[in-house]
Amino acid sequence: MGTLQINILGTSFTIKADEDSEYLNKLLRYYKGVTDTIEKKQTLTDPLQIAIMAGIMMCDQVYQDKKTKVKIQNAYENNTADSEADRITRELIEKIDKVL
């Protein structure tokens, strides 16, 4: 069980979770990176709006990753993954041959 002291967007609190503290800190650093990016690139200044936007961006990332995972699973189920892997391998070999 881990604990995490959160100081972000003008608020501070501590949480306890089943995950270890190192993992929780990695999550917080990632989230802070997302909120920092929003603050720099968006016109949002309200902490609540920034937090909501960060949540939406992270949900989008999870959703996109899930779509990619489904495509890969479908490719393996339809035996097209091997041919795709072969194609990519051939392309990489060709690029290496050109460099050498």
PDB file of N, CA and C in Angstrom:
ATOM      1  N   MET A   1       0.849  -1.176   0.000  1.00  0.00           N
ATOM      2  CA  MET A   1       0.000   0.000   0.000  1.00  0.00           C
ATOM      3  C   MET A   1       0.892   1.236   0.000  1.00  0.00           C
ATOM      4  N   GLY A   2       0.513   2.213  -0.807  1.00  0.00           N
ATOM      5  CA  GLY A   2       1.300   3.424  -0.905  1.00  0.00           C
ATOM      6  C   GLY A   2       0.493   4.663  -0.568  1.00  0.00           C
ATOM      7  N   THR A   3       1.214   5.726  -0.324  1.00  0.00           N
ATOM      8  CA  THR A   3       0.585   7.024  -0.090  1.00  0.00           C
ATOM      9  C   THR A   3       1.156   8.026  -1.077  1.00  0.00           C
ATOM     10  N   LEU A   4       0.383   9.048  -1.335  1.00  0.00           N
ATOM     11  CA  LEU A   4       0.804  10.074  -2.280  1.00  0.00           C
ATOM     12  C   LEU A   4       0.312  11.423  -1.803  1.00  0.00           C
ATOM     13  N   GLN A   5       1.244  12.355  -1.675  1.00  0.00           N
ATOM     14  CA  GLN A   5       0.908  13.733  -1.350  1.00  0.00           C
ATOM     15  C   GLN A   5       0.730  14.468  -2.668  1.00  0.00           C
ATOM     16  N   ILE A   6      -0.461  14.971  -2.904  1.00  0.00           N
ATOM     17  CA  ILE A   6      -0.782  15.655  -4.152  1.00  0.00           C
ATOM     18  C   ILE A   6      -0.827  17.154  -3.903  1.00  0.00           C
ATOM     19  N   ASN A   7      -0.038  17.883  -4.675  1.00  0.00           N
ATOM     20  CA  ASN A   7      -0.031  19.348  -4.654  1.00  0.00           C
ATOM     21  C   ASN A   7      -0.119  19.787  -6.107  1.00  0.00           C
ATOM     22  N   ILE A   8      -1.322  20.073  -6.559  1.00  0.00           N
ATOM     23  CA  ILE A   8      -1.493  20.400  -7.968  1.00  0.00           C
ATOM     24  C   ILE A   8      -2.688  21.331  -8.143  1.00  0.00           C
ATOM     25  N   LEU A   9      -2.559  22.244  -9.073  1.00  0.00           N
ATOM     26  CA  LEU A   9      -3.648  23.156  -9.440  1.00  0.00           C
ATOM     27  C   LEU A   9      -4.246  23.881  -8.232  1.00  0.00           C
ATOM     28  N   GLY A  10      -3.379  24.244  -7.310  1.00  0.00           N
ATOM     29  CA  GLY A  10      -3.832  25.021  -6.161  1.00  0.00           C
ATOM     30  C   GLY A  10      -4.513  24.233  -5.063  1.00  0.00           C
ATOM     31  N   THR A  11      -4.417  22.935  -5.102  1.00  0.00           N
ATOM     32  CA  THR A  11      -5.020  22.124  -4.055  1.00  0.00           C
ATOM     33  C   THR A  11      -3.997  21.115  -3.543  1.00  0.00           C
ATOM     34  N   SER A  12      -4.202  20.666  -2.329  1.00  0.00           N
ATOM     35  CA  SER A  12      -3.263  19.741  -1.712  1.00  0.00           C
ATOM     36  C   SER A  12      -4.025  18.736  -0.853  1.00  0.00           C
ATOM     37  N   PHE A  13      -3.669  17.457  -1.012  1.00  0.00           N
ATOM     38  CA  PHE A  13      -4.262  16.413  -0.185  1.00  0.00           C
ATOM     39  C   PHE A  13      -3.419  15.153  -0.318  1.00  0.00           C
ATOM     40  N   THR A  14      -3.663  14.192   0.564  1.00  0.00           N
ATOM     41  CA  THR A  14      -2.925  12.926   0.561  1.00  0.00           C
ATOM     42  C   THR A  14      -3.898  11.794   0.287  1.00  0.00           C
ATOM     43  N   ILE A  15      -3.439  10.818  -0.509  1.00  0.00           N
ATOM     44  CA  ILE A  15      -4.262   9.644  -0.760  1.00  0.00           C
ATOM     45  C   ILE A  15      -3.490   8.389  -0.368  1.00  0.00           C
ATOM     46  N   LYS A  16      -4.203   7.333  -0.094  1.00  0.00           N
ATOM     47  CA  LYS A  16      -3.639   6.004   0.127  1.00  0.00           C
ATOM     48  C   LYS A  16      -4.259   5.092  -0.915  1.00  0.00           C
ATOM     49  N   ALA A  17      -3.443   4.191  -1.454  1.00  0.00           N
ATOM     50  CA  ALA A  17      -3.933   3.278  -2.483  1.00  0.00           C
ATOM     51  C   ALA A  17      -3.223   1.944  -2.359  1.00  0.00           C
ATOM     52  N   ASP A  18      -3.753   0.948  -3.041  1.00  0.00           N
ATOM     53  CA  ASP A  18      -3.157  -0.380  -3.028  1.00  0.00           C
ATOM     54  C   ASP A  18      -1.814  -0.425  -3.745  1.00  0.00           C
ATOM     55  N   GLU A  19      -1.600   0.480  -4.692  1.00  0.00           N
ATOM     56  CA  GLU A  19      -0.346   0.524  -5.438  1.00  0.00           C
ATOM     57  C   GLU A  19       0.754   1.123  -4.571  1.00  0.00           C
ATOM     58  N   ASP A  20       2.012   0.843  -4.948  1.00  0.00           N
ATOM     59  CA  ASP A  20       3.118   1.391  -4.163  1.00  0.00           C
ATOM     60  C   ASP A  20       3.314   2.873  -4.470  1.00  0.00           C
ATOM     61  N   SER A  21       4.019   3.538  -3.572  1.00  0.00           N
ATOM     62  CA  SER A  21       4.204   4.991  -3.666  1.00  0.00           C
ATOM     63  C   SER A  21       4.944   5.396  -4.934  1.00  0.00           C
ATOM     64  N   GLU A  22       5.906   4.592  -5.363  1.00  0.00           N
ATOM     65  CA  GLU A  22       6.660   4.917  -6.583  1.00  0.00           C
ATOM     66  C   GLU A  22       5.727   4.965  -7.790  1.00  0.00           C
ATOM     67  N   TYR A  23       4.845   3.993  -7.894  1.00  0.00           N
ATOM     68  CA  TYR A  23       3.884   3.966  -9.001  1.00  0.00           C
ATOM     69  C   TYR A  23       2.948   5.174  -8.928  1.00  0.00           C
ATOM     70  N   LEU A  24       2.471   5.486  -7.749  1.00  0.00           N
ATOM     71  CA  LEU A  24       1.578   6.628  -7.573  1.00  0.00           C
ATOM     72  C   LEU A  24       2.275   7.928  -7.970  1.00  0.00           C
ATOM     73  N   ASN A  25       3.543   8.063  -7.615  1.00  0.00           N
ATOM     74  CA  ASN A  25       4.308   9.258  -7.999  1.00  0.00           C
ATOM     75  C   ASN A  25       4.472   9.350  -9.507  1.00  0.00           C
ATOM     76  N   LYS A  26       4.669   8.223 -10.178  1.00  0.00           N
ATOM     77  CA  LYS A  26       4.761   8.223 -11.639  1.00  0.00           C
ATOM     78  C   LYS A  26       3.455   8.727 -12.248  1.00  0.00           C
ATOM     79  N   LEU A  27       2.343   8.255 -11.711  1.00  0.00           N
ATOM     80  CA  LEU A  27       1.043   8.712 -12.205  1.00  0.00           C
ATOM     81  C   LEU A  27       0.880  10.215 -12.016  1.00  0.00           C
ATOM     82  N   LEU A  28       1.255  10.704 -10.854  1.00  0.00           N
ATOM     83  CA  LEU A  28       1.124  12.133 -10.566  1.00  0.00           C
ATOM     84  C   LEU A  28       2.022  12.963 -11.488  1.00  0.00           C
ATOM     85  N   ARG A  29       3.250  12.501 -11.711  1.00  0.00           N
ATOM     86  CA  ARG A  29       4.145  13.223 -12.624  1.00  0.00           C
ATOM     87  C   ARG A  29       3.545  13.274 -14.029  1.00  0.00           C
ATOM     88  N   TYR A  30       2.955  12.164 -14.464  1.00  0.00           N
ATOM     89  CA  TYR A  30       2.334  12.133 -15.784  1.00  0.00           C
ATOM     90  C   TYR A  30       1.166  13.125 -15.841  1.00  0.00           C
ATOM     91  N   TYR A  31       0.338  13.093 -14.819  1.00  0.00           N
ATOM     92  CA  TYR A  31      -0.820  13.996 -14.775  1.00  0.00           C
ATOM     93  C   TYR A  31      -0.377  15.455 -14.740  1.00  0.00           C
ATOM     94  N   LYS A  32       0.665  15.739 -13.951  1.00  0.00           N
ATOM     95  CA  LYS A  32       1.186  17.107 -13.908  1.00  0.00           C
ATOM     96  C   LYS A  32       1.697  17.533 -15.273  1.00  0.00           C
ATOM     97  N   GLY A  33       2.309  16.609 -15.997  1.00  0.00           N
ATOM     98  CA  GLY A  33       2.766  16.919 -17.343  1.00  0.00           C
ATOM     99  C   GLY A  33       1.614  17.290 -18.256  1.00  0.00           C
ATOM    100  N   VAL A  34       0.516  16.560 -18.136  1.00  0.00           N
ATOM    101  CA  VAL A  34      -0.672  16.856 -18.947  1.00  0.00           C
ATOM    102  C   VAL A  34      -1.234  18.223 -18.577  1.00  0.00           C
ATOM    103  N   THR A  35      -1.362  18.496 -17.284  1.00  0.00           N
ATOM    104  CA  THR A  35      -1.921  19.788 -16.871  1.00  0.00           C
ATOM    105  C   THR A  35      -0.989  20.936 -17.253  1.00  0.00           C
ATOM    106  N   ASP A  36       0.324  20.716 -17.147  1.00  0.00           N
ATOM    107  CA  ASP A  36       1.279  21.760 -17.561  1.00  0.00           C
ATOM    108  C   ASP A  36       1.138  22.063 -19.049  1.00  0.00           C
ATOM    109  N   THR A  37       0.983  21.028 -19.848  1.00  0.00           N
ATOM    110  CA  THR A  37       0.804  21.203 -21.290  1.00  0.00           C
ATOM    111  C   THR A  37      -0.456  22.006 -21.584  1.00  0.00           C
ATOM    112  N   ILE A  38      -1.523  21.694 -20.884  1.00  0.00           N
ATOM    113  CA  ILE A  38      -2.790  22.417 -21.081  1.00  0.00           C
ATOM    114  C   ILE A  38      -2.617  23.880 -20.702  1.00  0.00           C
ATOM    115  N   GLU A  39      -1.973  24.137 -19.578  1.00  0.00           N
ATOM    116  CA  GLU A  39      -1.772  25.526 -19.143  1.00  0.00           C
ATOM    117  C   GLU A  39      -0.948  26.314 -20.158  1.00  0.00           C
ATOM    118  N   LYS A  40       0.022  25.663 -20.791  1.00  0.00           N
ATOM    119  CA  LYS A  40       0.888  26.355 -21.746  1.00  0.00           C
ATOM    120  C   LYS A  40       0.225  26.550 -23.104  1.00  0.00           C
ATOM    121  N   LYS A  41      -0.563  25.563 -23.545  1.00  0.00           N
ATOM    122  CA  LYS A  41      -1.101  25.590 -24.908  1.00  0.00           C
ATOM    123  C   LYS A  41      -2.536  26.082 -25.000  1.00  0.00           C
ATOM    124  N   GLN A  42      -3.272  26.048 -23.922  1.00  0.00           N
ATOM    125  CA  GLN A  42      -4.673  26.454 -23.932  1.00  0.00           C
ATOM    126  C   GLN A  42      -4.807  27.828 -23.296  1.00  0.00           C
ATOM    127  N   THR A  43      -5.975  28.376 -23.428  1.00  0.00           N
ATOM    128  CA  THR A  43      -6.251  29.654 -22.775  1.00  0.00           C
ATOM    129  C   THR A  43      -6.924  29.444 -21.420  1.00  0.00           C
ATOM    130  N   LEU A  44      -6.937  28.212 -20.955  1.00  0.00           N
ATOM    131  CA  LEU A  44      -7.578  27.912 -19.680  1.00  0.00           C
ATOM    132  C   LEU A  44      -6.677  28.317 -18.525  1.00  0.00           C
ATOM    133  N   THR A  45      -7.278  28.946 -17.524  1.00  0.00           N
ATOM    134  CA  THR A  45      -6.532  29.319 -16.328  1.00  0.00           C
ATOM    135  C   THR A  45      -7.208  28.810 -15.062  1.00  0.00           C
ATOM    136  N   ASP A  46      -8.472  28.487 -15.144  1.00  0.00           N
ATOM    137  CA  ASP A  46      -9.207  27.981 -13.993  1.00  0.00           C
ATOM    138  C   ASP A  46      -8.750  26.547 -13.698  1.00  0.00           C
ATOM    139  N   PRO A  47      -8.323  26.265 -12.461  1.00  0.00           N
ATOM    140  CA  PRO A  47      -7.831  24.929 -12.131  1.00  0.00           C
ATOM    141  C   PRO A  47      -8.842  23.813 -12.402  1.00  0.00           C
ATOM    142  N   LEU A  48     -10.107  24.066 -12.146  1.00  0.00           N
ATOM    143  CA  LEU A  48     -11.115  23.040 -12.397  1.00  0.00           C
ATOM    144  C   LEU A  48     -11.227  22.747 -13.887  1.00  0.00           C
ATOM    145  N   GLN A  49     -11.212  23.776 -14.707  1.00  0.00           N
ATOM    146  CA  GLN A  49     -11.271  23.574 -16.154  1.00  0.00           C
ATOM    147  C   GLN A  49     -10.034  22.824 -16.653  1.00  0.00           C
ATOM    148  N   ILE A  50      -8.886  23.155 -16.123  1.00  0.00           N
ATOM    149  CA  ILE A  50      -7.651  22.466 -16.507  1.00  0.00           C
ATOM    150  C   ILE A  50      -7.739  20.991 -16.122  1.00  0.00           C
ATOM    151  N   ALA A  51      -8.226  20.713 -14.902  1.00  0.00           N
ATOM    152  CA  ALA A  51      -8.349  19.329 -14.444  1.00  0.00           C
ATOM    153  C   ALA A  51      -9.330  18.547 -15.321  1.00  0.00           C
ATOM    154  N   ILE A  52     -10.437  19.177 -15.683  1.00  0.00           N
ATOM    155  CA  ILE A  52     -11.422  18.507 -16.538  1.00  0.00           C
ATOM    156  C   ILE A  52     -10.834  18.250 -17.919  1.00  0.00           C
ATOM    157  N   MET A  53     -10.155  19.233 -18.480  1.00  0.00           N
ATOM    158  CA  MET A  53      -9.542  19.058 -19.792  1.00  0.00           C
ATOM    159  C   MET A  53      -8.489  17.957 -19.760  1.00  0.00           C
ATOM    160  N   ALA A  54      -7.698  17.906 -18.693  1.00  0.00           N
ATOM    161  CA  ALA A  54      -6.684  16.851 -18.551  1.00  0.00           C
ATOM    162  C   ALA A  54      -7.356  15.486 -18.501  1.00  0.00           C
ATOM    163  N   GLY A  55      -8.460  15.389 -17.770  1.00  0.00           N
ATOM    164  CA  GLY A  55      -9.191  14.131 -17.698  1.00  0.00           C
ATOM    165  C   GLY A  55      -9.716  13.701 -19.060  1.00  0.00           C
ATOM    166  N   ILE A  56     -10.235  14.648 -19.818  1.00  0.00           N
ATOM    167  CA  ILE A  56     -10.752  14.334 -21.158  1.00  0.00           C
ATOM    168  C   ILE A  56      -9.610  13.888 -22.069  1.00  0.00           C
ATOM    169  N   MET A  57      -8.476  14.584 -22.008  1.00  0.00           N
ATOM    170  CA  MET A  57      -7.337  14.209 -22.848  1.00  0.00           C
ATOM    171  C   MET A  57      -6.836  12.808 -22.501  1.00  0.00           C
ATOM    172  N   MET A  58      -6.796  12.494 -21.229  1.00  0.00           N
ATOM    173  CA  MET A  58      -6.323  11.180 -20.815  1.00  0.00           C
ATOM    174  C   MET A  58      -7.325  10.089 -21.186  1.00  0.00           C
ATOM    175  N   CYS A  59      -8.615  10.393 -21.092  1.00  0.00           N
ATOM    176  CA  CYS A  59      -9.642   9.441 -21.538  1.00  0.00           C
ATOM    177  C   CYS A  59      -9.507   9.182 -23.032  1.00  0.00           C
ATOM    178  N   ASP A  60      -9.239  10.234 -23.800  1.00  0.00           N
ATOM    179  CA  ASP A  60      -9.043  10.077 -25.236  1.00  0.00           C
ATOM    180  C   ASP A  60      -7.862   9.158 -25.508  1.00  0.00           C
ATOM    181  N   GLN A  61      -6.783   9.349 -24.775  1.00  0.00           N
ATOM    182  CA  GLN A  61      -5.604   8.509 -24.965  1.00  0.00           C
ATOM    183  C   GLN A  61      -5.918   7.043 -24.650  1.00  0.00           C
ATOM    184  N   VAL A  62      -6.621   6.799 -23.558  1.00  0.00           N
ATOM    185  CA  VAL A  62      -6.996   5.425 -23.195  1.00  0.00           C
ATOM    186  C   VAL A  62      -7.902   4.831 -24.275  1.00  0.00           C
ATOM    187  N   TYR A  63      -8.861   5.607 -24.738  1.00  0.00           N
ATOM    188  CA  TYR A  63      -9.791   5.133 -25.768  1.00  0.00           C
ATOM    189  C   TYR A  63      -9.041   4.789 -27.059  1.00  0.00           C
ATOM    190  N   GLN A  64      -8.128   5.669 -27.472  1.00  0.00           N
ATOM    191  CA  GLN A  64      -7.352   5.415 -28.689  1.00  0.00           C
ATOM    192  C   GLN A  64      -6.493   4.161 -28.529  1.00  0.00           C
ATOM    193  N   ASP A  65      -5.886   3.982 -27.355  1.00  0.00           N
ATOM    194  CA  ASP A  65      -5.083   2.791 -27.094  1.00  0.00           C
ATOM    195  C   ASP A  65      -5.932   1.525 -27.155  1.00  0.00           C
ATOM    196  N   LYS A  66      -7.150   1.605 -26.625  1.00  0.00           N
ATOM    197  CA  LYS A  66      -8.051   0.446 -26.672  1.00  0.00           C
ATOM    198  C   LYS A  66      -8.432   0.115 -28.111  1.00  0.00           C
ATOM    199  N   LYS A  67      -8.692   1.144 -28.926  1.00  0.00           N
ATOM    200  CA  LYS A  67      -9.020   0.903 -30.334  1.00  0.00           C
ATOM    201  C   LYS A  67      -7.860   0.220 -31.041  1.00  0.00           C
ATOM    202  N   THR A  68      -6.654   0.669 -30.770  1.00  0.00           N
ATOM    203  CA  THR A  68      -5.470   0.068 -31.376  1.00  0.00           C
ATOM    204  C   THR A  68      -5.324  -1.383 -30.931  1.00  0.00           C
ATOM    205  N   LYS A  69      -5.546  -1.632 -29.663  1.00  0.00           N
ATOM    206  CA  LYS A  69      -5.450  -2.999 -29.133  1.00  0.00           C
ATOM    207  C   LYS A  69      -6.458  -3.911 -29.817  1.00  0.00           C
ATOM    208  N   VAL A  70      -7.670  -3.431 -30.010  1.00  0.00           N
ATOM    209  CA  VAL A  70      -8.704  -4.226 -30.680  1.00  0.00           C
ATOM    210  C   VAL A  70      -8.297  -4.522 -32.117  1.00  0.00           C
ATOM    211  N   LYS A  71      -7.742  -3.534 -32.812  1.00  0.00           N
ATOM    212  CA  LYS A  71      -7.286  -3.754 -34.193  1.00  0.00           C
ATOM    213  C   LYS A  71      -6.213  -4.825 -34.242  1.00  0.00           C
ATOM    214  N   ILE A  72      -5.275  -4.768 -33.301  1.00  0.00           N
ATOM    215  CA  ILE A  72      -4.200  -5.755 -33.265  1.00  0.00           C
ATOM    216  C   ILE A  72      -4.763  -7.140 -32.959  1.00  0.00           C
ATOM    217  N   GLN A  73      -5.675  -7.221 -31.999  1.00  0.00           N
ATOM    218  CA  GLN A  73      -6.280  -8.504 -31.658  1.00  0.00           C
ATOM    219  C   GLN A  73      -7.043  -9.072 -32.849  1.00  0.00           C
ATOM    220  N   ASN A  74      -7.784  -8.210 -33.529  1.00  0.00           N
ATOM    221  CA  ASN A  74      -8.524  -8.674 -34.711  1.00  0.00           C
ATOM    222  C   ASN A  74      -7.586  -9.152 -35.803  1.00  0.00           C
ATOM    223  N   ALA A  75      -6.473  -8.467 -35.965  1.00  0.00           N
ATOM    224  CA  ALA A  75      -5.499  -8.869 -36.976  1.00  0.00           C
ATOM    225  C   ALA A  75      -4.942 -10.250 -36.657  1.00  0.00           C
ATOM    226  N   TYR A  76      -4.636 -10.510 -35.404  1.00  0.00           N
ATOM    227  CA  TYR A  76      -4.131 -11.826 -35.018  1.00  0.00           C
ATOM    228  C   TYR A  76      -5.199 -12.894 -35.195  1.00  0.00           C
ATOM    229  N   GLU A  77      -6.422 -12.566 -34.830  1.00  0.00           N
ATOM    230  CA  GLU A  77      -7.509 -13.536 -34.973  1.00  0.00           C
ATOM    231  C   GLU A  77      -7.777 -13.872 -36.429  1.00  0.00           C
ATOM    232  N   ASN A  78      -7.570 -12.901 -37.307  1.00  0.00           N
ATOM    233  CA  ASN A  78      -7.807 -13.116 -38.736  1.00  0.00           C
ATOM    234  C   ASN A  78      -6.539 -13.519 -39.477  1.00  0.00           C
ATOM    235  N   ASN A  79      -5.472 -13.801 -38.731  1.00  0.00           N
ATOM    236  CA  ASN A  79      -4.187 -14.212 -39.303  1.00  0.00           C
ATOM    237  C   ASN A  79      -3.591 -13.177 -40.243  1.00  0.00           C
ATOM    238  N   THR A  80      -3.982 -11.927 -40.104  1.00  0.00           N
ATOM    239  CA  THR A  80      -3.377 -10.886 -40.930  1.00  0.00           C
ATOM    240  C   THR A  80      -2.191 -10.248 -40.224  1.00  0.00           C
ATOM    241  N   ALA A  81      -2.035 -10.531 -38.949  1.00  0.00           N
ATOM    242  CA  ALA A  81      -0.924  -9.944 -38.199  1.00  0.00           C
ATOM    243  C   ALA A  81       0.406 -10.466 -38.726  1.00  0.00           C
ATOM    244  N   ASP A  82       0.466 -11.747 -39.052  1.00  0.00           N
ATOM    245  CA  ASP A  82       1.718 -12.307 -39.555  1.00  0.00           C
ATOM    246  C   ASP A  82       2.116 -11.639 -40.864  1.00  0.00           C
ATOM    247  N   SER A  83       1.151 -11.467 -41.742  1.00  0.00           N
ATOM    248  CA  SER A  83       1.490 -10.835 -43.013  1.00  0.00           C
ATOM    249  C   SER A  83       1.874  -9.368 -42.807  1.00  0.00           C
ATOM    250  N   GLU A  84       1.258  -8.707 -41.859  1.00  0.00           N
ATOM    251  CA  GLU A  84       1.618  -7.322 -41.547  1.00  0.00           C
ATOM    252  C   GLU A  84       3.022  -7.274 -40.952  1.00  0.00           C
ATOM    253  N   ALA A  85       3.326  -8.198 -40.071  1.00  0.00           N
ATOM    254  CA  ALA A  85       4.664  -8.264 -39.485  1.00  0.00           C
ATOM    255  C   ALA A  85       5.698  -8.551 -40.567  1.00  0.00           C
ATOM    256  N   ASP A  86       5.367  -9.440 -41.486  1.00  0.00           N
ATOM    257  CA  ASP A  86       6.274  -9.746 -42.601  1.00  0.00           C
ATOM    258  C   ASP A  86       6.524  -8.501 -43.445  1.00  0.00           C
ATOM    259  N   ARG A  87       5.478  -7.758 -43.733  1.00  0.00           N
ATOM    260  CA  ARG A  87       5.599  -6.550 -44.549  1.00  0.00           C
ATOM    261  C   ARG A  87       6.514  -5.536 -43.861  1.00  0.00           C
ATOM    262  N   ILE A  88       6.289  -5.319 -42.581  1.00  0.00           N
ATOM    263  CA  ILE A  88       7.095  -4.364 -41.831  1.00  0.00           C
ATOM    264  C   ILE A  88       8.550  -4.829 -41.785  1.00  0.00           C
ATOM    265  N   THR A  89       8.748  -6.115 -41.572  1.00  0.00           N
ATOM    266  CA  THR A  89      10.105  -6.667 -41.534  1.00  0.00           C
ATOM    267  C   THR A  89      10.815  -6.459 -42.865  1.00  0.00           C
ATOM    268  N   ARG A  90      10.128  -6.735 -43.966  1.00  0.00           N
ATOM    269  CA  ARG A  90      10.715  -6.533 -45.294  1.00  0.00           C
ATOM    270  C   ARG A  90      11.086  -5.065 -45.506  1.00  0.00           C
ATOM    271  N   GLU A  91      10.198  -4.154 -45.105  1.00  0.00           N
ATOM    272  CA  GLU A  91      10.486  -2.727 -45.256  1.00  0.00           C
ATOM    273  C   GLU A  91      11.717  -2.315 -44.452  1.00  0.00           C
ATOM    274  N   LEU A  92      11.825  -2.830 -43.222  1.00  0.00           N
ATOM    275  CA  LEU A  92      12.974  -2.501 -42.387  1.00  0.00           C
ATOM    276  C   LEU A  92      14.265  -3.048 -42.989  1.00  0.00           C
ATOM    277  N   ILE A  93      14.211  -4.272 -43.510  1.00  0.00           N
ATOM    278  CA  ILE A  93      15.386  -4.867 -44.135  1.00  0.00           C
ATOM    279  C   ILE A  93      15.812  -4.050 -45.352  1.00  0.00           C
ATOM    280  N   GLU A  94      14.842  -3.618 -46.141  1.00  0.00           N
ATOM    281  CA  GLU A  94      15.158  -2.791 -47.308  1.00  0.00           C
ATOM    282  C   GLU A  94      15.822  -1.482 -46.894  1.00  0.00           C
ATOM    283  N   LYS A  95      15.312  -0.863 -45.835  1.00  0.00           N
ATOM    284  CA  LYS A  95      15.909   0.396 -45.364  1.00  0.00           C
ATOM    285  C   LYS A  95      17.327   0.167 -44.857  1.00  0.00           C
ATOM    286  N   ILE A  96      17.548  -0.926 -44.149  1.00  0.00           N
ATOM    287  CA  ILE A  96      18.879  -1.246 -43.654  1.00  0.00           C
ATOM    288  C   ILE A  96      19.824  -1.489 -44.823  1.00  0.00           C
ATOM    289  N   ASP A  97      19.363  -2.246 -45.830  1.00  0.00           N
ATOM    290  CA  ASP A  97      20.191  -2.524 -46.999  1.00  0.00           C
ATOM    291  C   ASP A  97      20.586  -1.227 -47.719  1.00  0.00           C
ATOM    292  N   LYS A  98      19.677  -0.289 -47.805  1.00  0.00           N
ATOM    293  CA  LYS A  98      19.980   0.978 -48.478  1.00  0.00           C
ATOM    294  C   LYS A  98      21.040   1.758 -47.719  1.00  0.00           C
ATOM    295  N   VAL A  99      20.976   1.718 -46.393  1.00  0.00           N
ATOM    296  CA  VAL A  99      21.937   2.433 -45.564  1.00  0.00           C
ATOM    297  C   VAL A  99      23.313   1.785 -45.670  1.00  0.00           C
ATOM    298  N   LEU A 100      23.357   0.461 -45.698  1.00  0.00           N
ATOM    299  CA  LEU A 100      24.635  -0.252 -45.758  1.00  0.00           C
ATOM    300  C   LEU A 100      25.190  -0.163 -47.157  1.00  0.00           C
TER     301      LEU A 100
END
